Amino acid sequence: MSLQPFHLAIPVYDVPLARAFYRDVFGLEEGRSAKEWVDFNFFGHQLVIHHHPKTPTQESASTNSVDGHDVPVPHFGVVLTWEQWEDLAKRLQTQGTHFIIEPYIRFKGQVGEQATMFFLDPCGNALEFKAFKDMGQLFAK
């Protein structure tokens, strides 16, 4: 599967704090930047943090029930390889990350079985990272 990189711009109310999070927690490479925004190479995609006053979803995210968990909405993230996901989960746990949903295997033994975890960046943006042992099940019903 060949994918084109996506571009996602998200609001952050504290650029230095968010910059440190994306740079230090993920080890993301910074691209262009200015006082009000920073580009990151987000696993091959372009993530841009933009200064913006706190949004209602950053104050309190809504949730939907999925597999017995309250999944925050909105959220974003990347589908990683299984090994990348395991490495990221270990790194986040080592750094004391507070998880909204701890790393676990969702839909175990079912179509679409996947590893997943949810947490917030320091400005309240919800992130999900997942992995499939069989990437061919990414869109399976």
C-alpha atoms as a PDB file:
ATOM      1  CA  MET A   1       0.000   0.000   0.000  1.00  0.00           C
ATOM      2  CA  SER A   2       1.461   3.358  -1.030  1.00  0.00           C
ATOM      3  CA  LEU A   3       0.110   6.347   0.867  1.00  0.00           C
ATOM      4  CA  GLN A   4       0.484  10.060   0.389  1.00  0.00           C
ATOM      5  CA  PRO A   5       1.489  11.984   3.515  1.00  0.00           C
ATOM      6  CA  PHE A   6      -1.338  13.838   5.217  1.00  0.00           C
ATOM      7  CA  HIS A   7      -1.137  17.382   6.582  1.00  0.00           C
ATOM      8  CA  LEU A   8      -2.806  18.075   9.907  1.00  0.00           C
ATOM      9  CA  ALA A   9      -2.773  21.411  11.740  1.00  0.00           C
ATOM     10  CA  ILE A  10      -3.886  21.329  15.379  1.00  0.00           C
ATOM     11  CA  PRO A  11      -4.493  24.060  17.960  1.00  0.00           C
ATOM     12  CA  VAL A  12      -2.181  24.383  20.953  1.00  0.00           C
ATOM     13  CA  TYR A  13      -2.479  27.105  23.579  1.00  0.00           C
ATOM     14  CA  ASP A  14       1.162  26.758  24.679  1.00  0.00           C
ATOM     15  CA  VAL A  15       3.538  26.411  21.711  1.00  0.00           C
ATOM     16  CA  PRO A  16       6.759  25.858  23.743  1.00  0.00           C
ATOM     17  CA  LEU A  17       5.124  23.160  25.889  1.00  0.00           C
ATOM     18  CA  ALA A  18       3.573  21.370  22.888  1.00  0.00           C
ATOM     19  CA  ARG A  19       6.812  21.711  20.906  1.00  0.00           C
ATOM     20  CA  ALA A  20       8.762  20.021  23.705  1.00  0.00           C
ATOM     21  CA  PHE A  21       6.162  17.241  23.930  1.00  0.00           C
ATOM     22  CA  TYR A  22       6.180  16.374  20.215  1.00  0.00           C
ATOM     23  CA  ARG A  23       9.953  16.749  19.960  1.00  0.00           C
ATOM     24  CA  ASP A  24      10.955  14.974  23.185  1.00  0.00           C
ATOM     25  CA  VAL A  25       8.219  12.357  23.729  1.00  0.00           C
ATOM     26  CA  PHE A  26       8.111  11.221  20.104  1.00  0.00           C
ATOM     27  CA  GLY A  27      11.544  12.377  19.024  1.00  0.00           C
ATOM     28  CA  LEU A  28       9.954  14.076  16.019  1.00  0.00           C
ATOM     29  CA  GLU A  29      12.123  16.086  13.677  1.00  0.00           C
ATOM     30  CA  GLU A  30      11.153  19.744  13.454  1.00  0.00           C
ATOM     31  CA  GLY A  31      10.722  21.420  10.100  1.00  0.00           C
ATOM     32  CA  ARG A  32       9.905  25.067   9.523  1.00  0.00           C
ATOM     33  CA  SER A  33       8.690  27.137  12.449  1.00  0.00           C
ATOM     34  CA  ALA A  34       7.802  30.594  13.659  1.00  0.00           C
ATOM     35  CA  LYS A  35       6.738  31.984  17.025  1.00  0.00           C
ATOM     36  CA  GLU A  36       3.116  30.893  16.476  1.00  0.00           C
ATOM     37  CA  TRP A  37       3.591  27.476  14.790  1.00  0.00           C
ATOM     38  CA  VAL A  38       5.936  24.497  14.314  1.00  0.00           C
ATOM     39  CA  ASP A  39       6.037  21.811  11.580  1.00  0.00           C
ATOM     40  CA  PHE A  40       6.928  18.233  12.569  1.00  0.00           C
ATOM     41  CA  ASN A  41       7.700  15.086  10.621  1.00  0.00           C
ATOM     42  CA  PHE A  42       4.978  12.966  12.244  1.00  0.00           C
ATOM     43  CA  PHE A  43       5.917   9.437  11.156  1.00  0.00           C
ATOM     44  CA  GLY A  44       6.245  10.634   7.550  1.00  0.00           C
ATOM     45  CA  HIS A  45       3.269  13.003   7.719  1.00  0.00           C
ATOM     46  CA  GLN A  46       3.184  16.751   8.293  1.00  0.00           C
ATOM     47  CA  LEU A  47       1.831  17.767  11.684  1.00  0.00           C
ATOM     48  CA  VAL A  48       1.700  21.472  12.451  1.00  0.00           C
ATOM     49  CA  ILE A  49       0.998  22.884  15.893  1.00  0.00           C
ATOM     50  CA  HIS A  50      -0.558  26.366  15.740  1.00  0.00           C
ATOM     51  CA  HIS A  51      -1.033  28.757  18.638  1.00  0.00           C
ATOM     52  CA  HIS A  52      -4.734  29.094  19.402  1.00  0.00           C
ATOM     53  CA  PRO A  53      -6.749  29.776  22.557  1.00  0.00           C
ATOM     54  CA  LYS A  54      -7.950  26.652  24.363  1.00  0.00           C
ATOM     55  CA  THR A  55     -10.822  24.979  22.491  1.00  0.00           C
ATOM     56  CA  PRO A  56     -13.890  23.338  24.084  1.00  0.00           C
ATOM     57  CA  THR A  57     -12.631  19.845  23.121  1.00  0.00           C
ATOM     58  CA  GLN A  58      -9.296  20.590  24.787  1.00  0.00           C
ATOM     59  CA  GLU A  59     -11.217  21.506  27.951  1.00  0.00           C
ATOM     60  CA  SER A  60     -13.305  18.331  27.966  1.00  0.00           C
ATOM     61  CA  ALA A  61     -13.403  15.794  25.149  1.00  0.00           C
ATOM     62  CA  SER A  62     -16.583  13.948  24.314  1.00  0.00           C
ATOM     63  CA  THR A  63     -16.376  10.174  24.214  1.00  0.00           C
ATOM     64  CA  ASN A  64     -17.895   7.228  22.379  1.00  0.00           C
ATOM     65  CA  SER A  65     -17.999   3.734  23.841  1.00  0.00           C
ATOM     66  CA  VAL A  66     -15.812   1.331  21.841  1.00  0.00           C
ATOM     67  CA  ASP A  67     -14.929  -2.153  23.054  1.00  0.00           C
ATOM     68  CA  GLY A  68     -15.884  -1.182  26.620  1.00  0.00           C
ATOM     69  CA  HIS A  69     -13.740   1.973  26.684  1.00  0.00           C
ATOM     70  CA  ASP A  70     -14.618   5.671  26.493  1.00  0.00           C
ATOM     71  CA  VAL A  71     -12.794   6.779  23.338  1.00  0.00           C
ATOM     72  CA  PRO A  72     -12.175  10.549  23.173  1.00  0.00           C
ATOM     73  CA  VAL A  73     -13.608  12.427  20.189  1.00  0.00           C
ATOM     74  CA  PRO A  74     -11.981  14.064  18.335  1.00  0.00           C
ATOM     75  CA  HIS A  75      -8.625  12.285  18.245  1.00  0.00           C
ATOM     76  CA  PHE A  76      -5.875  11.609  15.737  1.00  0.00           C
ATOM     77  CA  GLY A  77      -2.798   9.458  15.414  1.00  0.00           C
ATOM     78  CA  VAL A  78      -0.950   7.042  13.183  1.00  0.00           C
ATOM     79  CA  VAL A  79      -1.222   3.346  12.423  1.00  0.00           C
ATOM     80  CA  LEU A  80       2.252   2.027  13.200  1.00  0.00           C
ATOM     81  CA  THR A  81       3.917  -1.321  12.653  1.00  0.00           C
ATOM     82  CA  TRP A  82       3.525  -3.693  15.594  1.00  0.00           C
ATOM     83  CA  GLU A  83       7.166  -3.170  16.595  1.00  0.00           C
ATOM     84  CA  GLN A  84       6.912   0.642  16.358  1.00  0.00           C
ATOM     85  CA  TRP A  85       3.744   0.546  18.478  1.00  0.00           C
ATOM     86  CA  GLU A  86       5.383  -1.614  21.146  1.00  0.00           C
ATOM     87  CA  ASP A  87       8.447   0.679  21.223  1.00  0.00           C
ATOM     88  CA  LEU A  88       6.266   3.798  21.518  1.00  0.00           C
ATOM     89  CA  ALA A  89       4.121   2.234  24.275  1.00  0.00           C
ATOM     90  CA  LYS A  90       7.264   1.360  26.270  1.00  0.00           C
ATOM     91  CA  ARG A  91       8.740   4.843  25.757  1.00  0.00           C
ATOM     92  CA  LEU A  92       5.504   6.523  26.887  1.00  0.00           C
ATOM     93  CA  GLN A  93       5.196   4.261  29.928  1.00  0.00           C
ATOM     94  CA  THR A  94       8.836   4.900  30.870  1.00  0.00           C
ATOM     95  CA  GLN A  95       8.220   8.661  30.647  1.00  0.00           C
ATOM     96  CA  GLY A  96       5.213   8.384  32.966  1.00  0.00           C
ATOM     97  CA  THR A  97       2.596   9.285  30.362  1.00  0.00           C
ATOM     98  CA  HIS A  98      -0.950   9.384  31.710  1.00  0.00           C
ATOM     99  CA  PHE A  99      -3.069   7.233  29.393  1.00  0.00           C
ATOM    100  CA  ILE A 100      -6.762   7.819  28.798  1.00  0.00           C
ATOM    101  CA  ILE A 101      -6.815   4.194  27.615  1.00  0.00           C
ATOM    102  CA  GLU A 102      -3.764   2.129  28.569  1.00  0.00           C
ATOM    103  CA  PRO A 103      -2.016   0.194  25.779  1.00  0.00           C
ATOM    104  CA  TYR A 104      -3.966  -3.003  25.105  1.00  0.00           C
ATOM    105  CA  ILE A 105      -5.206  -5.350  22.366  1.00  0.00           C
ATOM    106  CA  ARG A 106      -8.646  -4.345  21.071  1.00  0.00           C
ATOM    107  CA  PHE A 107     -11.089  -6.715  19.331  1.00  0.00           C
ATOM    108  CA  LYS A 108      -8.961  -9.674  20.441  1.00  0.00           C
ATOM    109  CA  GLY A 109      -9.653 -12.728  18.297  1.00  0.00           C
ATOM    110  CA  GLN A 110     -11.993 -10.753  16.005  1.00  0.00           C
ATOM    111  CA  VAL A 111     -11.693  -9.170  12.594  1.00  0.00           C
ATOM    112  CA  GLY A 112      -9.688  -5.967  12.997  1.00  0.00           C
ATOM    113  CA  GLU A 113      -7.736  -7.101  16.072  1.00  0.00           C
ATOM    114  CA  GLN A 114      -5.371  -4.267  16.928  1.00  0.00           C
ATOM    115  CA  ALA A 115      -3.073  -2.811  19.532  1.00  0.00           C
ATOM    116  CA  THR A 116      -4.158   0.642  20.664  1.00  0.00           C
ATOM    117  CA  MET A 117      -3.537   3.359  23.240  1.00  0.00           C
ATOM    118  CA  PHE A 118      -4.942   6.835  23.883  1.00  0.00           C
ATOM    119  CA  PHE A 119      -3.439   9.827  25.676  1.00  0.00           C
ATOM    120  CA  LEU A 120      -3.484  13.639  25.568  1.00  0.00           C
ATOM    121  CA  ASP A 121      -0.809  16.058  24.495  1.00  0.00           C
ATOM    122  CA  PRO A 122      -0.124  18.816  27.070  1.00  0.00           C
ATOM    123  CA  CYS A 123      -2.728  21.069  25.403  1.00  0.00           C
ATOM    124  CA  GLY A 124      -5.528  18.496  25.624  1.00  0.00           C
ATOM    125  CA  ASN A 125      -5.471  17.126  22.059  1.00  0.00           C
ATOM    126  CA  ALA A 126      -6.342  13.405  22.146  1.00  0.00           C
ATOM    127  CA  LEU A 127      -4.060  11.006  20.289  1.00  0.00           C
ATOM    128  CA  GLU A 128      -4.505   7.350  19.391  1.00  0.00           C
ATOM    129  CA  PHE A 129      -1.745   5.102  18.148  1.00  0.00           C
ATOM    130  CA  LYS A 130      -2.601   1.670  16.866  1.00  0.00           C
ATOM    131  CA  ALA A 131      -1.080  -1.290  15.043  1.00  0.00           C
ATOM    132  CA  PHE A 132      -2.414  -4.359  13.286  1.00  0.00           C
ATOM    133  CA  LYS A 133      -0.594  -7.678  13.251  1.00  0.00           C
ATOM    134  CA  ASP A 134      -2.246  -8.079   9.820  1.00  0.00           C
ATOM    135  CA  MET A 135      -2.212  -4.668   8.127  1.00  0.00           C
ATOM    136  CA  GLY A 136      -4.599  -6.157   5.562  1.00  0.00           C
ATOM    137  CA  GLN A 137      -7.330  -5.899   8.239  1.00  0.00           C
ATOM    138  CA  LEU A 138      -7.055  -2.122   8.504  1.00  0.00           C
ATOM    139  CA  PHE A 139     -10.415  -1.673   6.738  1.00  0.00           C
ATOM    140  CA  ALA A 140     -11.845  -5.170   7.284  1.00  0.00           C
ATOM    141  CA  LYS A 141     -15.511  -5.508   8.281  1.00  0.00           C
END
